[in-house]
Protein backbone atom coordinates (compact mmCIF):
# COMPACT_ATOMS: atom_id res chain seq x y z
CA UNK A 1 64.62 26.63 30.98
CA UNK A 2 61.33 24.79 30.79
CA UNK A 3 60.10 26.75 27.77
CA UNK A 4 62.67 25.50 25.30
CA UNK A 5 62.92 21.86 26.36
CA UNK A 6 59.98 20.46 24.40
CA UNK A 7 60.98 19.57 20.86
CA UNK A 8 57.34 19.17 19.77
CA UNK A 9 56.63 22.85 20.32
CA UNK A 10 54.09 22.05 23.05
CA UNK A 11 54.77 25.27 24.93
CA UNK A 12 55.07 27.51 21.88
CA UNK A 13 51.28 27.67 21.52
CA UNK A 14 51.03 29.03 25.06
CA UNK A 15 53.58 31.78 24.49
CA UNK A 16 51.17 33.74 22.27
CA UNK A 17 48.40 33.36 24.84
CA UNK A 18 50.65 34.56 27.66
CA UNK A 19 52.07 37.50 25.70
CA UNK A 20 48.63 39.10 25.80
CA UNK A 21 49.00 39.50 29.58
CA UNK A 22 52.66 40.50 29.81
CA UNK A 23 53.25 44.08 31.02
CA UNK A 24 55.99 46.51 30.03
CA UNK A 25 59.36 45.42 31.42
CA UNK A 26 58.19 41.86 32.01
CA UNK A 27 59.51 38.84 30.13
CA UNK A 28 58.84 35.11 30.11
CA UNK A 29 61.53 33.03 31.79
CA UNK A 30 59.97 29.59 31.28
CA UNK A 31 56.75 27.74 30.55
CA UNK A 32 55.99 24.34 32.08
CA UNK A 33 53.34 21.76 31.26
CA UNK A 34 50.71 21.08 33.88
CA UNK A 35 48.31 18.15 33.87
CA UNK A 36 45.47 20.48 32.80
CA UNK A 37 47.36 23.29 31.04
CA UNK A 38 50.51 25.31 31.75
CA UNK A 39 52.40 27.44 34.26
CA UNK A 40 54.60 30.36 33.30
CA UNK A 41 57.35 32.09 35.24
CA UNK A 42 58.21 35.65 34.33
CA UNK A 43 60.72 37.99 35.90
CA UNK A 44 57.83 39.50 37.94
CA UNK A 45 55.25 36.80 38.69
CA UNK A 46 53.85 33.29 38.35
CA UNK A 47 51.06 32.87 35.78
CA UNK A 48 49.02 29.70 35.42
CA UNK A 49 45.59 28.59 34.32
CA UNK A 50 43.14 27.07 36.72
CA UNK A 51 40.62 24.91 34.88
CA UNK A 52 37.58 23.55 36.62
CA UNK A 53 37.24 19.88 35.74
CA UNK A 54 34.03 19.18 33.86
CA UNK A 55 33.52 22.78 32.72
CA UNK A 56 34.89 25.00 29.99
CA UNK A 57 35.74 27.79 32.41
CA UNK A 58 39.37 28.82 32.62
CA UNK A 59 40.75 31.25 35.15
CA UNK A 60 44.12 32.89 34.59
CA UNK A 61 45.89 33.22 37.93
CA UNK A 62 48.71 35.71 38.41
CA UNK A 63 50.75 35.81 41.60
CA UNK A 64 53.47 38.44 42.06
CA UNK A 65 56.53 36.89 43.71
CA UNK A 66 56.22 39.45 46.52
CA UNK A 67 52.88 37.85 47.53
CA UNK A 68 54.21 34.30 47.79
CA UNK A 69 54.56 33.31 51.45
CA UNK A 70 56.01 29.83 50.88
CA UNK A 71 56.46 27.15 48.26
CA UNK A 72 56.77 23.38 48.62
CA UNK A 73 57.70 20.63 46.20
CA UNK A 74 56.46 17.04 46.12
CA UNK A 75 58.26 14.80 43.69
CA UNK A 76 56.90 11.42 42.74
CA UNK A 77 58.83 8.21 42.67
CA UNK A 78 60.22 6.61 39.54
CA UNK A 79 56.85 5.57 38.10
CA UNK A 80 54.83 8.58 39.24
CA UNK A 81 52.94 10.39 36.48
CA UNK A 82 52.99 13.83 38.11
CA UNK A 83 54.93 16.04 40.48
CA UNK A 84 53.40 18.81 42.58
CA UNK A 85 54.33 22.31 43.63
CA UNK A 86 52.28 24.04 46.31
CA UNK A 87 52.28 27.83 46.36
CA UNK A 88 51.10 29.53 49.55
CA UNK A 89 49.81 33.10 49.67
CA UNK A 90 47.87 35.02 52.33
CA UNK A 91 44.84 34.97 50.05
CA UNK A 92 44.83 31.38 48.82
CA UNK A 93 46.95 28.26 48.41
CA UNK A 94 47.49 26.70 44.98
CA UNK A 95 48.56 23.20 44.01
CA UNK A 96 50.11 22.76 40.56
CA UNK A 97 50.38 19.24 39.12
CA UNK A 98 53.10 19.02 36.49
CA UNK A 99 53.21 16.58 33.61
CA UNK A 100 55.75 13.79 33.69
CA UNK A 101 59.10 15.07 32.51
CA UNK A 102 58.55 18.68 33.56
CA UNK A 103 61.52 20.07 35.46
CA UNK A 104 59.73 20.85 38.74
CA UNK A 105 63.03 21.34 40.56
CA UNK A 106 63.91 24.17 38.16
CA UNK A 107 60.43 25.68 38.66
CA UNK A 108 60.85 25.48 42.45
CA UNK A 109 64.35 27.02 42.37
CA UNK A 110 63.21 29.91 40.16
CA UNK A 111 60.33 30.80 42.50
CA UNK A 112 62.60 30.46 45.53
CA UNK A 113 65.16 32.78 43.92
CA UNK A 114 62.56 35.53 43.58
CA UNK A 115 60.83 35.15 46.95
CA UNK A 116 64.12 35.08 48.86
CA UNK A 117 65.40 38.35 47.35
């Protein structure tokens, strides 16, 4: 899982922040580093922060798996600094840029598992 892979405790600081928004019966499966913040997968939804560059505003985005229409993955080459996941909903499309070393394939597979059920 993405949450436990960072030995520096990078994701641990986000767990407390996310716990504030977790509902009864929901649990965190994994947390992944994004270029600007983090993305979290729970057993019920995708949670990530959307920061506007140049401002201090942060929007917490929550997408139930049942609302995801499609997901795509774009992996960089050997020297690429980021990898992307695109999440498509009827309301809006989101592009998540992951930090180098984040397991985007695992993230993609987890979302796919839930939207294909």
